Structures are given as C-alpha cells and as structure tokens.
C-alpha cells in the first residue's frame, strides 16, 4: 500500500506559475511545466529586467486530489551551489480534488547587493521543497537563465 506521501504526490500537480512586477502587475514570465516533478532539473528563461523589480509577485496554480492540512513551501536560492537566500511560504489547508491559485510576494535584495544577469544566468538554481506539515511531498530544482 502506498504511503501518504506517495498518495499526495501522485495526485499533486503544479499547473502553471507566473512572475509579475509587484508594482505594475505586469507578467514578466509564465511557465506551464509541472515544476513539482522531482525527477528532473527544470529550466526557466526569465527576462533579466525582473532583477530590477523592487518586488516580484509569484502566482502558483496547483491541483491536489488529496487533502493537505498544512501545505507549505521551503525555497532556497543557490548560486554556484552556495545558498544565497531562503524563503518559507505557508498556504494552509488544501481541499481534496481542488485547484488553487496561490500568490506570494518576494521582495528583492537591495540594488547594491544584486549581481548582474550575465553572472547569474545559468548559475542560479532554486530548490523548492513541497510539504504537508513536516511531511516532504516533493523536491524540485529549477535552473534560471536570464534572457
């Protein structure tokens, strides 16, 4: 019999995700790939102007067949295998057999601390851990290229 983790993962899917300039609401990047798939490193080609934003709004649309009491994400941003930033996001209860849209605000580092896009491109990997409470459901890796 599959474990609860396997039950949740088999019915869980990221349908799409977008990144917006939080000040203007303009979509700067959108992807339709299921980034919760732990079996591969995903690629995102993000416009380099996103690095100039004061804050970025991330909108994540996902579906789950199983209920989750405390759905949450832990994300780490790595530059050449060194962790630069870490973020935690809490969604809360997920209704079984539901599709949900989750918007989160990510504030940028001060401009004086930002590296140029040409240095970051291909060297940044965002590792996301998907959890239900303390139970890890999946882990994904997304390599960023700034275009």
C-alpha atoms as a PDB file:
ATOM      1  CA  UNK A   1       0.000   0.000   0.000  1.00  0.00           C
ATOM      2  CA  UNK A   2       1.435   3.433  -0.925  1.00  0.00           C
ATOM      3  CA  UNK A   3       2.432   5.837   1.809  1.00  0.00           C
ATOM      4  CA  UNK A   4       0.574   9.100   2.385  1.00  0.00           C
ATOM      5  CA  UNK A   5       3.468  10.902   0.677  1.00  0.00           C
ATOM      6  CA  UNK A   6       3.006   8.771  -2.444  1.00  0.00           C
ATOM      7  CA  UNK A   7      -0.770   9.316  -2.353  1.00  0.00           C
ATOM      8  CA  UNK A   8      -0.336  13.088  -2.189  1.00  0.00           C
ATOM      9  CA  UNK A   9       2.413  13.243  -4.814  1.00  0.00           C
ATOM     10  CA  UNK A  10       0.544  11.061  -7.303  1.00  0.00           C
ATOM     11  CA  UNK A  11      -2.421  13.469  -7.163  1.00  0.00           C
ATOM     12  CA  UNK A  12      -0.431  16.713  -6.940  1.00  0.00           C
ATOM     13  CA  UNK A  13       0.452  18.902  -9.917  1.00  0.00           C
ATOM     14  CA  UNK A  14       1.683  22.434 -10.493  1.00  0.00           C
ATOM     15  CA  UNK A  15      -0.418  23.568 -13.459  1.00  0.00           C
ATOM     16  CA  UNK A  16       1.283  26.895 -14.083  1.00  0.00           C
ATOM     17  CA  UNK A  17       3.289  29.619 -12.443  1.00  0.00           C
ATOM     18  CA  UNK A  18       3.941  33.231 -13.271  1.00  0.00           C
ATOM     19  CA  UNK A  19       6.158  36.024 -12.015  1.00  0.00           C
ATOM     20  CA  UNK A  20       4.910  39.618 -12.071  1.00  0.00           C
ATOM     21  CA  UNK A  21       6.358  43.002 -11.331  1.00  0.00           C
ATOM     22  CA  UNK A  22       4.625  43.555  -7.976  1.00  0.00           C
ATOM     23  CA  UNK A  23       4.379  47.315  -8.576  1.00  0.00           C
ATOM     24  CA  UNK A  24       2.764  47.207 -12.036  1.00  0.00           C
ATOM     25  CA  UNK A  25       1.152  43.748 -12.050  1.00  0.00           C
ATOM     26  CA  UNK A  26       2.716  43.051 -15.462  1.00  0.00           C
ATOM     27  CA  UNK A  27       3.517  39.371 -16.079  1.00  0.00           C
ATOM     28  CA  UNK A  28       7.236  39.037 -16.784  1.00  0.00           C
ATOM     29  CA  UNK A  29       7.402  35.231 -17.048  1.00  0.00           C
ATOM     30  CA  UNK A  30       4.944  32.348 -17.168  1.00  0.00           C
ATOM     31  CA  UNK A  31       5.555  28.612 -17.319  1.00  0.00           C
ATOM     32  CA  UNK A  32       3.160  25.700 -17.733  1.00  0.00           C
ATOM     33  CA  UNK A  33       5.541  22.900 -16.761  1.00  0.00           C
ATOM     34  CA  UNK A  34       4.811  20.842 -13.634  1.00  0.00           C
ATOM     35  CA  UNK A  35       7.775  22.023 -11.575  1.00  0.00           C
ATOM     36  CA  UNK A  36       6.876  19.650  -8.732  1.00  0.00           C
ATOM     37  CA  UNK A  37       8.299  16.729 -10.747  1.00  0.00           C
ATOM     38  CA  UNK A  38      11.317  15.663  -8.646  1.00  0.00           C
ATOM     39  CA  UNK A  39      12.902  13.521 -11.370  1.00  0.00           C
ATOM     40  CA  UNK A  40      14.460  16.290 -13.447  1.00  0.00           C
ATOM     41  CA  UNK A  41      16.056  19.698 -13.276  1.00  0.00           C
ATOM     42  CA  UNK A  42      13.639  22.189 -14.784  1.00  0.00           C
ATOM     43  CA  UNK A  43      14.751  25.212 -16.821  1.00  0.00           C
ATOM     44  CA  UNK A  44      13.251  28.714 -16.696  1.00  0.00           C
ATOM     45  CA  UNK A  45      14.238  31.501 -19.074  1.00  0.00           C
ATOM     46  CA  UNK A  46      13.346  34.648 -17.175  1.00  0.00           C
ATOM     47  CA  UNK A  47      13.704  38.190 -18.557  1.00  0.00           C
ATOM     48  CA  UNK A  48      16.658  39.932 -16.936  1.00  0.00           C
ATOM     49  CA  UNK A  49      14.542  43.024 -16.226  1.00  0.00           C
ATOM     50  CA  UNK A  50      12.988  41.036 -13.362  1.00  0.00           C
ATOM     51  CA  UNK A  51      16.203  41.754 -11.435  1.00  0.00           C
ATOM     52  CA  UNK A  52      15.296  45.470 -11.457  1.00  0.00           C
ATOM     53  CA  UNK A  53      11.927  44.910  -9.726  1.00  0.00           C
ATOM     54  CA  UNK A  54      11.528  46.120  -6.152  1.00  0.00           C
ATOM     55  CA  UNK A  55       9.365  43.069  -5.510  1.00  0.00           C
ATOM     56  CA  UNK A  56       8.065  40.134  -7.540  1.00  0.00           C
ATOM     57  CA  UNK A  57       4.673  38.524  -7.153  1.00  0.00           C
ATOM     58  CA  UNK A  58       4.703  34.772  -7.757  1.00  0.00           C
ATOM     59  CA  UNK A  59       1.408  33.160  -8.674  1.00  0.00           C
ATOM     60  CA  UNK A  60       1.307  29.370  -8.438  1.00  0.00           C
ATOM     61  CA  UNK A  61      -1.665  27.339  -9.668  1.00  0.00           C
ATOM     62  CA  UNK A  62      -1.792  23.753  -8.426  1.00  0.00           C
ATOM     63  CA  UNK A  63      -4.181  20.826  -8.178  1.00  0.00           C
ATOM     64  CA  UNK A  64      -4.406  18.186  -5.486  1.00  0.00           C
ATOM     65  CA  UNK A  65      -6.557  15.076  -5.325  1.00  0.00           C
ATOM     66  CA  UNK A  66      -5.685  14.564  -1.653  1.00  0.00           C
ATOM     67  CA  UNK A  67      -6.412  16.936   1.233  1.00  0.00           C
ATOM     68  CA  UNK A  68      -3.458  18.609   2.918  1.00  0.00           C
ATOM     69  CA  UNK A  69      -3.656  20.114   6.384  1.00  0.00           C
ATOM     70  CA  UNK A  70      -0.647  22.439   6.178  1.00  0.00           C
ATOM     71  CA  UNK A  71       0.623  22.841   2.640  1.00  0.00           C
ATOM     72  CA  UNK A  72       3.814  24.875   2.554  1.00  0.00           C
ATOM     73  CA  UNK A  73       6.975  25.503   0.551  1.00  0.00           C
ATOM     74  CA  UNK A  74      10.573  25.989   1.532  1.00  0.00           C
ATOM     75  CA  UNK A  75      12.742  27.517  -1.178  1.00  0.00           C
ATOM     76  CA  UNK A  76      16.470  28.008  -1.310  1.00  0.00           C
ATOM     77  CA  UNK A  77      18.243  30.029  -3.967  1.00  0.00           C
ATOM     78  CA  UNK A  78      21.682  28.697  -4.831  1.00  0.00           C
ATOM     79  CA  UNK A  79      24.390  30.482  -6.788  1.00  0.00           C
ATOM     80  CA  UNK A  80      27.107  28.050  -7.854  1.00  0.00           C
ATOM     81  CA  UNK A  81      25.983  25.593  -5.129  1.00  0.00           C
ATOM     82  CA  UNK A  82      26.096  28.242  -2.370  1.00  0.00           C
ATOM     83  CA  UNK A  83      22.813  29.194  -0.684  1.00  0.00           C
ATOM     84  CA  UNK A  84      22.154  32.931  -1.058  1.00  0.00           C
ATOM     85  CA  UNK A  85      18.552  33.195   0.089  1.00  0.00           C
ATOM     86  CA  UNK A  86      15.942  31.090   1.830  1.00  0.00           C
ATOM     87  CA  UNK A  87      12.184  31.663   1.828  1.00  0.00           C
ATOM     88  CA  UNK A  88       9.281  29.922   3.569  1.00  0.00           C
ATOM     89  CA  UNK A  89       5.692  30.157   2.350  1.00  0.00           C
ATOM     90  CA  UNK A  90       2.580  28.787   4.097  1.00  0.00           C
ATOM     91  CA  UNK A  91      -0.610  28.058   2.171  1.00  0.00           C
ATOM     92  CA  UNK A  92      -2.549  26.116   4.808  1.00  0.00           C
ATOM     93  CA  UNK A  93      -5.409  23.707   4.209  1.00  0.00           C
ATOM     94  CA  UNK A  94      -5.906  22.249   0.709  1.00  0.00           C
ATOM     95  CA  UNK A  95      -9.355  20.880  -0.107  1.00  0.00           C
ATOM     96  CA  UNK A  96      -9.308  17.413  -1.743  1.00  0.00           C
ATOM     97  CA  UNK A  97      -9.881  17.352  -5.507  1.00  0.00           C
ATOM     98  CA  UNK A  98      -9.262  21.095  -5.775  1.00  0.00           C
ATOM     99  CA  UNK A  99      -7.374  23.519  -7.970  1.00  0.00           C
ATOM    100  CA  UNK A 100      -5.906  26.511  -6.182  1.00  0.00           C
ATOM    101  CA  UNK A 101      -4.069  29.706  -7.040  1.00  0.00           C
ATOM    102  CA  UNK A 102      -1.538  30.972  -4.528  1.00  0.00           C
ATOM    103  CA  UNK A 103       0.066  34.395  -4.767  1.00  0.00           C
ATOM    104  CA  UNK A 104       3.177  35.295  -2.765  1.00  0.00           C
ATOM    105  CA  UNK A 105       5.264  38.455  -2.620  1.00  0.00           C
ATOM    106  CA  UNK A 106       9.045  38.183  -2.864  1.00  0.00           C
ATOM    107  CA  UNK A 107      10.975  41.344  -2.034  1.00  0.00           C
ATOM    108  CA  UNK A 108      14.239  41.953  -3.852  1.00  0.00           C
ATOM    109  CA  UNK A 109      17.585  42.377  -2.202  1.00  0.00           C
ATOM    110  CA  UNK A 110      18.910  45.957  -2.181  1.00  0.00           C
ATOM    111  CA  UNK A 111      20.239  47.003  -5.584  1.00  0.00           C
ATOM    112  CA  UNK A 112      23.746  47.286  -4.141  1.00  0.00           C
ATOM    113  CA  UNK A 113      23.656  43.533  -3.391  1.00  0.00           C
ATOM    114  CA  UNK A 114      22.349  42.409  -6.781  1.00  0.00           C
ATOM    115  CA  UNK A 115      24.670  40.626  -9.190  1.00  0.00           C
ATOM    116  CA  UNK A 116      24.371  41.282 -12.938  1.00  0.00           C
ATOM    117  CA  UNK A 117      22.191  38.987 -15.032  1.00  0.00           C
ATOM    118  CA  UNK A 118      25.163  37.755 -17.090  1.00  0.00           C
ATOM    119  CA  UNK A 119      26.843  36.487 -13.898  1.00  0.00           C
ATOM    120  CA  UNK A 120      23.666  34.894 -12.513  1.00  0.00           C
ATOM    121  CA  UNK A 121      22.405  33.300 -15.740  1.00  0.00           C
ATOM    122  CA  UNK A 122      22.789  29.504 -15.669  1.00  0.00           C
ATOM    123  CA  UNK A 123      24.400  29.647 -12.215  1.00  0.00           C
ATOM    124  CA  UNK A 124      21.231  30.057 -10.137  1.00  0.00           C
ATOM    125  CA  UNK A 125      19.160  27.070  -9.054  1.00  0.00           C
ATOM    126  CA  UNK A 126      16.017  27.380  -6.967  1.00  0.00           C
ATOM    127  CA  UNK A 127      15.359  24.277  -4.892  1.00  0.00           C
ATOM    128  CA  UNK A 128      11.767  24.011  -3.684  1.00  0.00           C
ATOM    129  CA  UNK A 129      10.593  21.552  -1.049  1.00  0.00           C
ATOM    130  CA  UNK A 130       6.837  20.919  -1.040  1.00  0.00           C
ATOM    131  CA  UNK A 131       5.450  19.881   2.373  1.00  0.00           C
ATOM    132  CA  UNK A 132       2.250  18.892   4.093  1.00  0.00           C
ATOM    133  CA  UNK A 133       3.172  19.934   7.630  1.00  0.00           C
ATOM    134  CA  UNK A 134       6.500  18.169   8.267  1.00  0.00           C
ATOM    135  CA  UNK A 135       5.981  15.513   5.564  1.00  0.00           C
ATOM    136  CA  UNK A 136       8.020  16.297   2.455  1.00  0.00           C
ATOM    137  CA  UNK A 137       5.906  15.581  -0.616  1.00  0.00           C
ATOM    138  CA  UNK A 138       8.387  16.509  -3.325  1.00  0.00           C
ATOM    139  CA  UNK A 139      11.502  18.490  -4.142  1.00  0.00           C
ATOM    140  CA  UNK A 140      12.155  20.328  -7.367  1.00  0.00           C
ATOM    141  CA  UNK A 141      15.113  22.087  -8.943  1.00  0.00           C
ATOM    142  CA  UNK A 142      14.718  24.967 -11.384  1.00  0.00           C
ATOM    143  CA  UNK A 143      17.792  26.407 -13.109  1.00  0.00           C
ATOM    144  CA  UNK A 144      17.392  30.059 -14.107  1.00  0.00           C
ATOM    145  CA  UNK A 145      18.670  31.653 -17.274  1.00  0.00           C
ATOM    146  CA  UNK A 146      18.240  35.431 -17.593  1.00  0.00           C
ATOM    147  CA  UNK A 147      17.443  36.463 -21.171  1.00  0.00           C
END
